[in-house]
Amino acid sequence: MNRRLIWCIWMTWWWIEKAWPQSSCFNSTLRDGASSRGSRSNQYEDEGSFTDVGEWVPWRSDREGSVVCEVAAARFQLARPSQPDQPLAVRVALIRDWRKRIVCEATTDGQTDESERWKADLAPDKQNFWEPEWQATPALPAPTRPKLIPVVTTAAEADAVELAHTYFRRWTCQENAIRDWLIPLNLDTNHGYAKEPVVNSELVKRRTVLEKRVAHLHRLAAESRKRLRQMCASDQVREEQVVSWEHRQQELLAQVTALEPLGQSHEPGLLAVKAQQLEAEWEVHHRHVLLAATSVARKRELNHCARSCRALRHVLRKPRRPPGVRTRNAGTR
């Protein structure tokens, strides 16, 4: 058994390193001898990266008859690593797969600020996220677009449908070759007939991570709201103190104004009143400085609370599927 396993590993390594790059499973060949292969996703952004895009033709359908893949002929300027300023113009079979959606964060004209866009779908009375009774709801689904699969060929002219079929036929060839190798080793046989249901550990792990993330964001938002309430309460107290000290300052200023014309500028009583007036003026100025500092801290804390609520809505937007059930072999009875 050990020799058989070692031989299988060696054959697999030989196929990956030697045979596969030279076979039709790596570079598919067209009728005229030109090769075709898929383009990397970091070489293009969207459909605008291609030129001369032709008419989209239905290519694949699901069991209900709905079109899930479309193909169109296009051209692409393939960048050369050695000569970046001289790209290579190649023909492309552009496949549009509607089964796989890619998130594209597109901003609208009137909502370019992320701090306002995340709550634009909420009613006006539901946007006060700093209130304790605010409840987070799932955000709207992010805009998506179908995945593009460009198949590049070196041929001068090529049919888009034929090029797509030629490229994706390589997967079947590769699977058949691997299956033919596994048959003599009896590695394509599943031993054991008794099965028992087990929980899908991967789904449970994802669900646990999401639940911890939701609880963490709820805690951060609650702490931010608590600090905001404390700041508002302290601001209210300081504003009342400012009004009180300003009233005291006006009374002392009236006394100083009444005593100065009488020539009592050097009297101890007048000096004491002036000292009290200066003290009241300083207290008013000090309270205004504290209010300004608290205002800055309140804005910063409000931004923290907004970020937590925005992240919470985005996490709730992700579907949390219940843990699935799989079966595993429990051995032969």
Protein backbone atom coordinates (compact mmCIF):
# COMPACT_ATOMS: atom_id res chain seq x y z
CA MET A 1 0.00 0.00 0.00
CA ASN A 2 2.84 2.40 0.79
CA ARG A 3 4.49 1.73 -2.56
CA ARG A 4 1.23 2.30 -4.35
CA LEU A 5 0.72 5.63 -2.53
CA ILE A 6 4.29 6.75 -3.26
CA TRP A 7 3.87 5.85 -6.93
CA CYS A 8 0.60 7.82 -7.10
CA ILE A 9 2.20 10.89 -5.52
CA TRP A 10 5.15 10.67 -7.91
CA MET A 11 2.87 10.38 -10.96
CA THR A 12 0.80 13.35 -9.79
CA TRP A 13 3.94 15.46 -9.35
CA TRP A 14 5.20 14.40 -12.77
CA TRP A 15 1.90 15.36 -14.37
CA ILE A 16 1.78 18.79 -12.73
CA GLU A 17 5.43 19.67 -13.41
CA LYS A 18 6.04 18.04 -16.81
CA ALA A 19 2.97 16.90 -18.70
CA TRP A 20 0.27 19.40 -17.75
CA PRO A 21 1.98 22.64 -18.99
CA GLN A 22 2.57 20.96 -22.37
CA SER A 23 -0.85 19.34 -22.75
CA SER A 24 -4.14 20.67 -24.03
CA CYS A 25 -5.31 21.07 -20.45
CA PHE A 26 -3.06 24.11 -20.00
CA ASN A 27 -3.14 25.86 -23.38
CA SER A 28 -6.07 24.89 -25.55
CA THR A 29 -5.39 24.73 -29.29
CA LEU A 30 -7.68 25.97 -32.03
CA ARG A 31 -8.06 24.45 -35.48
CA ASP A 32 -5.47 26.72 -37.09
CA GLY A 33 -2.84 25.91 -34.47
CA ALA A 34 -3.20 29.11 -32.44
CA SER A 35 -3.29 28.75 -28.67
CA SER A 36 -5.79 30.21 -26.21
CA ARG A 37 -5.74 30.75 -22.49
CA GLY A 38 -7.58 32.75 -19.84
CA SER A 39 -6.52 36.23 -18.86
CA ARG A 40 -5.76 37.12 -15.25
CA SER A 41 -8.30 39.21 -13.36
CA ASN A 42 -5.68 41.82 -12.38
CA GLN A 43 -5.10 42.70 -16.05
CA TYR A 44 -8.55 44.24 -16.53
CA GLU A 45 -11.20 46.01 -14.48
CA ASP A 46 -14.53 45.64 -16.25
CA GLU A 47 -16.09 45.55 -19.68
CA GLY A 48 -14.68 49.02 -20.39
CA SER A 49 -11.17 47.54 -20.48
CA PHE A 50 -12.01 45.80 -23.78
CA THR A 51 -12.59 47.31 -27.20
CA ASP A 52 -14.72 46.30 -30.18
CA VAL A 53 -17.09 44.30 -27.99
CA GLY A 54 -19.53 42.48 -30.25
CA GLU A 55 -23.06 41.29 -29.65
CA TRP A 56 -23.64 39.11 -26.61
CA VAL A 57 -24.69 35.60 -27.63
CA PRO A 58 -26.32 33.09 -25.23
CA TRP A 59 -23.84 30.33 -24.48
CA ARG A 60 -24.99 28.30 -21.49
CA SER A 61 -28.38 27.82 -19.82
CA ASP A 62 -29.55 26.25 -16.59
CA ARG A 63 -32.12 23.50 -16.17
CA GLU A 64 -34.99 25.97 -16.34
CA GLY A 65 -33.74 27.32 -19.65
CA SER A 66 -32.53 30.66 -18.32
CA VAL A 67 -29.34 32.02 -19.82
CA VAL A 68 -26.52 31.95 -17.25
CA CYS A 69 -23.53 32.65 -19.52
CA GLU A 70 -23.12 34.91 -22.53
CA VAL A 71 -20.17 35.27 -24.85
CA ALA A 72 -19.07 38.05 -27.18
CA ALA A 73 -16.04 38.71 -29.36
CA ALA A 74 -13.77 41.59 -28.31
CA ARG A 75 -10.23 42.93 -28.49
CA PHE A 76 -7.79 43.53 -25.67
CA GLN A 77 -4.49 45.37 -25.34
CA LEU A 78 -2.31 42.86 -23.50
CA ALA A 79 0.55 44.53 -21.66
CA ARG A 80 4.05 43.16 -22.21
CA PRO A 81 6.31 42.90 -19.15
CA SER A 82 9.42 43.74 -21.19
CA GLN A 83 7.79 46.50 -23.28
CA PRO A 84 5.00 48.19 -21.30
CA ASP A 85 4.62 50.99 -23.85
CA GLN A 86 3.97 48.52 -26.70
CA PRO A 87 0.93 46.39 -25.77
CA LEU A 88 -0.07 43.37 -27.84
CA ALA A 89 -3.49 43.51 -29.51
CA VAL A 90 -5.20 40.11 -29.14
CA ARG A 91 -8.61 38.66 -29.84
CA VAL A 92 -10.76 37.79 -26.83
CA ALA A 93 -13.82 35.66 -26.24
CA LEU A 94 -15.47 37.63 -23.44
CA ILE A 95 -17.68 35.43 -21.25
CA ARG A 96 -20.24 37.06 -18.96
CA ASP A 97 -21.20 34.69 -16.13
CA TRP A 98 -24.46 35.72 -14.43
CA ARG A 99 -24.14 32.99 -11.80
CA LYS A 100 -21.15 34.67 -10.16
CA ARG A 101 -21.67 38.26 -9.07
CA ILE A 102 -18.84 40.67 -8.19
CA VAL A 103 -19.46 43.51 -5.77
CA CYS A 104 -18.80 46.92 -7.27
CA GLU A 105 -19.05 49.85 -4.85
CA ALA A 106 -20.41 52.50 -7.19
CA THR A 107 -21.21 55.95 -5.77
CA THR A 108 -24.18 57.94 -6.95
CA ASP A 109 -24.08 61.59 -7.93
CA GLY A 110 -25.90 62.89 -4.88
CA GLN A 111 -24.38 60.58 -2.29
CA THR A 112 -20.63 60.60 -2.56
CA ASP A 113 -20.03 60.78 1.20
CA GLU A 114 -19.83 57.36 2.84
CA SER A 115 -20.84 58.86 6.21
CA GLU A 116 -24.27 59.70 4.75
CA ARG A 117 -24.70 56.97 2.14
CA TRP A 118 -24.80 54.06 4.60
CA LYS A 119 -28.07 55.30 6.15
CA ALA A 120 -29.69 56.85 3.09
CA ASP A 121 -32.16 53.95 2.77
CA LEU A 122 -33.49 54.48 6.31
CA ALA A 123 -36.50 56.61 7.14
CA PRO A 124 -35.77 60.05 8.64
CA ASP A 125 -36.96 58.91 12.08
CA LYS A 126 -34.71 55.81 11.87
CA GLN A 127 -31.44 57.63 11.16
CA ASN A 128 -30.73 58.73 14.73
CA PHE A 129 -28.22 55.97 15.38
CA TRP A 130 -26.91 57.69 18.54
CA GLU A 131 -30.16 57.10 20.41
CA PRO A 132 -30.27 54.10 22.78
CA GLU A 133 -33.44 52.64 21.23
CA TRP A 134 -31.97 52.59 17.68
CA GLN A 135 -32.05 49.13 16.11
CA ALA A 136 -29.67 48.13 13.32
CA THR A 137 -31.26 46.70 10.18
CA PRO A 138 -29.47 44.91 7.31
CA ALA A 139 -28.08 47.31 4.74
CA LEU A 140 -29.19 47.22 1.15
CA PRO A 141 -27.39 44.69 -1.07
CA ALA A 142 -24.28 46.12 -2.61
CA PRO A 143 -24.43 46.70 -6.38
CA THR A 144 -23.00 43.78 -8.30
CA ARG A 145 -22.06 42.94 -11.85
CA PRO A 146 -21.60 39.59 -13.60
CA LYS A 147 -18.16 38.09 -13.58
CA LEU A 148 -16.15 38.48 -16.78
CA ILE A 149 -13.99 35.62 -18.03
CA PRO A 150 -11.84 36.71 -20.98
CA VAL A 151 -10.30 33.94 -23.08
CA VAL A 152 -7.35 35.30 -25.06
CA THR A 153 -6.18 33.76 -28.32
CA THR A 154 -3.22 34.47 -30.60
CA ALA A 155 -5.31 33.85 -33.71
CA ALA A 156 -6.03 36.81 -35.97
CA GLU A 157 -9.72 35.88 -36.20
CA ALA A 158 -11.66 33.42 -34.06
CA ASP A 159 -15.27 32.56 -33.33
CA ALA A 160 -16.12 33.54 -29.75
CA VAL A 161 -18.38 30.54 -29.09
CA GLU A 162 -15.86 28.05 -30.49
CA LEU A 163 -13.04 29.67 -28.52
CA ALA A 164 -15.01 29.43 -25.27
CA HIS A 165 -15.87 25.77 -25.90
CA THR A 166 -12.24 24.99 -26.71
CA TYR A 167 -10.92 26.64 -23.59
CA PHE A 168 -13.37 25.08 -21.12
CA ARG A 169 -13.11 21.63 -22.68
CA ARG A 170 -9.66 21.36 -21.07
CA TRP A 171 -11.22 20.75 -17.65
CA THR A 172 -12.96 17.64 -18.92
CA CYS A 173 -9.74 16.36 -20.48
CA GLN A 174 -7.85 16.91 -17.25
CA GLU A 175 -10.46 15.17 -15.08
CA ASN A 176 -10.61 12.19 -17.42
CA ALA A 177 -6.82 11.83 -17.37
CA ILE A 178 -6.67 11.87 -13.58
CA ARG A 179 -9.57 9.42 -13.38
CA ASP A 180 -7.79 6.99 -15.72
CA TRP A 181 -4.75 7.03 -13.42
CA LEU A 182 -6.80 6.39 -10.28
CA ILE A 183 -8.73 3.39 -11.65
CA PRO A 184 -5.78 0.89 -11.53
CA LEU A 185 -4.99 2.01 -7.96
CA ASN A 186 -8.58 1.48 -6.77
CA LEU A 187 -8.50 5.02 -5.34
CA ASP A 188 -11.79 5.92 -7.00
CA THR A 189 -13.76 3.60 -4.69
CA ASN A 190 -15.46 4.78 -1.49
CA HIS A 191 -15.24 2.11 1.19
CA GLY A 192 -17.83 1.93 3.96
CA TYR A 193 -21.64 2.00 3.81
CA ALA A 194 -22.79 3.07 7.27
CA LYS A 195 -23.18 6.88 7.43
CA GLU A 196 -24.00 9.21 10.28
CA PRO A 197 -25.05 12.87 10.07
CA VAL A 198 -22.49 15.43 11.23
CA VAL A 199 -22.67 19.22 11.48
CA ASN A 200 -20.92 21.20 8.76
CA SER A 201 -18.01 22.55 10.78
CA GLU A 202 -17.10 25.23 8.23
CA LEU A 203 -20.58 26.79 8.30
CA VAL A 204 -20.61 26.63 12.10
CA LYS A 205 -17.25 28.37 12.22
CA ARG A 206 -18.42 31.15 9.89
CA ARG A 207 -21.62 31.61 11.83
CA THR A 208 -19.71 31.80 15.13
CA VAL A 209 -17.35 34.44 13.71
CA LEU A 210 -20.29 36.53 12.45
CA GLU A 211 -22.12 36.29 15.77
CA LYS A 212 -19.00 37.40 17.66
CA ARG A 213 -18.55 40.26 15.21
CA VAL A 214 -22.17 41.38 15.67
CA ALA A 215 -21.87 41.23 19.46
CA HIS A 216 -18.60 43.20 19.36
CA LEU A 217 -20.13 45.93 17.18
CA HIS A 218 -23.21 46.13 19.41
CA ARG A 219 -20.93 46.61 22.42
CA LEU A 220 -18.88 49.34 20.72
CA ALA A 221 -22.01 51.21 19.65
CA ALA A 222 -23.50 50.95 23.15
CA GLU A 223 -20.31 52.28 24.74
CA SER A 224 -20.21 55.19 22.27
CA ARG A 225 -23.84 56.07 23.03
CA LYS A 226 -23.10 55.97 26.77
CA ARG A 227 -20.17 58.36 26.37
CA LEU A 228 -22.27 60.64 24.19
CA ARG A 229 -24.99 60.79 26.87
CA GLN A 230 -22.37 61.64 29.49
CA MET A 231 -20.94 64.40 27.28
CA CYS A 232 -24.40 65.84 26.64
CA ALA A 233 -25.17 65.83 30.38
CA SER A 234 -21.87 67.57 31.23
CA ASP A 235 -22.45 70.12 28.46
CA GLN A 236 -25.89 70.91 29.84
CA VAL A 237 -24.44 71.48 33.32
CA ARG A 238 -21.67 73.71 31.95
CA GLU A 239 -24.12 75.73 29.89
CA GLU A 240 -26.16 76.35 33.00
CA GLN A 241 -22.98 77.40 34.81
CA VAL A 242 -22.08 79.76 31.97
CA VAL A 243 -25.48 81.44 32.23
CA SER A 244 -25.11 81.74 36.00
CA TRP A 245 -21.58 83.19 35.83
CA GLU A 246 -22.53 85.58 33.05
CA HIS A 247 -25.42 86.87 35.18
CA ARG A 248 -23.03 87.25 38.11
CA GLN A 249 -20.54 89.07 35.89
CA GLN A 250 -23.20 91.55 34.74
CA GLU A 251 -24.21 92.28 38.33
CA LEU A 252 -20.61 92.92 39.39
CA LEU A 253 -19.99 95.06 36.33
CA ALA A 254 -23.01 97.21 37.28
CA GLN A 255 -21.63 97.67 40.81
CA VAL A 256 -18.20 98.67 39.47
CA THR A 257 -19.82 101.15 37.07
CA ALA A 258 -21.81 102.67 39.92
CA LEU A 259 -18.85 103.02 42.32
CA GLU A 260 -16.17 104.34 39.94
CA PRO A 261 -17.76 107.84 39.36
CA LEU A 262 -17.87 108.41 43.10
CA GLY A 263 -14.06 108.51 43.30
CA GLN A 264 -13.77 105.28 45.25
CA SER A 265 -11.43 103.61 42.84
CA HIS A 266 -8.92 102.80 45.63
CA GLU A 267 -11.46 101.67 48.20
CA PRO A 268 -11.09 98.07 49.41
CA GLY A 269 -14.75 97.40 48.65
CA LEU A 270 -14.38 98.44 44.99
CA LEU A 271 -11.21 96.42 44.60
CA ALA A 272 -12.97 93.37 45.99
CA VAL A 273 -15.86 93.82 43.54
CA LYS A 274 -13.42 94.16 40.65
CA ALA A 275 -11.64 90.98 41.74
CA GLN A 276 -14.97 89.16 41.83
CA GLN A 277 -15.78 90.50 38.37
CA LEU A 278 -12.48 89.22 36.97
CA GLU A 279 -13.11 85.87 38.62
CA ALA A 280 -16.56 85.65 37.02
CA GLU A 281 -15.11 86.60 33.64
CA TRP A 282 -12.45 83.88 33.95
CA GLU A 283 -15.07 81.28 34.94
CA VAL A 284 -17.16 82.16 31.86
CA HIS A 285 -14.11 81.88 29.60
CA HIS A 286 -13.07 78.58 31.21
CA ARG A 287 -16.55 77.08 30.72
CA HIS A 288 -16.54 78.16 27.05
CA VAL A 289 -13.16 76.43 26.55
CA LEU A 290 -14.49 73.23 28.14
CA LEU A 291 -17.60 73.36 25.95
CA ALA A 292 -15.46 73.72 22.81
CA ALA A 293 -13.27 70.78 23.83
CA THR A 294 -16.32 68.65 24.60
CA SER A 295 -17.83 69.55 21.24
CA VAL A 296 -14.74 68.21 19.44
CA ALA A 297 -14.76 65.05 21.56
CA ARG A 298 -18.50 64.59 20.93
CA LYS A 299 -18.01 64.79 17.15
CA ARG A 300 -15.19 62.26 17.34
CA GLU A 301 -17.29 59.91 19.46
CA LEU A 302 -20.23 60.36 17.09
CA ASN A 303 -18.01 59.28 14.19
CA HIS A 304 -16.94 56.19 16.17
CA CYS A 305 -20.57 55.32 16.80
CA ALA A 306 -21.43 55.85 13.11
CA ARG A 307 -18.61 53.54 12.02
CA SER A 308 -19.77 50.82 14.40
CA CYS A 309 -23.38 51.11 13.24
CA ARG A 310 -22.36 51.13 9.58
CA ALA A 311 -20.22 48.02 10.03
CA LEU A 312 -23.07 46.38 11.95
CA ARG A 313 -25.50 46.96 9.11
CA HIS A 314 -22.99 45.58 6.59
CA VAL A 315 -22.44 42.46 8.71
CA LEU A 316 -26.19 41.91 9.06
CA ARG A 317 -26.46 42.18 5.28
CA LYS A 318 -24.47 38.95 4.86
CA PRO A 319 -26.74 35.89 4.81
CA ARG A 320 -26.20 33.68 7.83
CA ARG A 321 -27.23 30.20 6.74
CA PRO A 322 -28.08 27.61 9.39
CA PRO A 323 -25.45 24.93 9.93
CA GLY A 324 -25.78 22.31 7.23
CA VAL A 325 -25.66 18.60 7.79
CA ARG A 326 -23.24 16.33 6.00
CA THR A 327 -22.69 12.59 6.15
CA ARG A 328 -19.49 10.75 6.81
CA ASN A 329 -18.47 7.15 6.66
CA ALA A 330 -18.70 5.39 9.98
CA GLY A 331 -16.98 2.25 8.79
CA THR A 332 -18.18 -1.03 7.33
CA ARG A 333 -20.59 -3.00 9.41
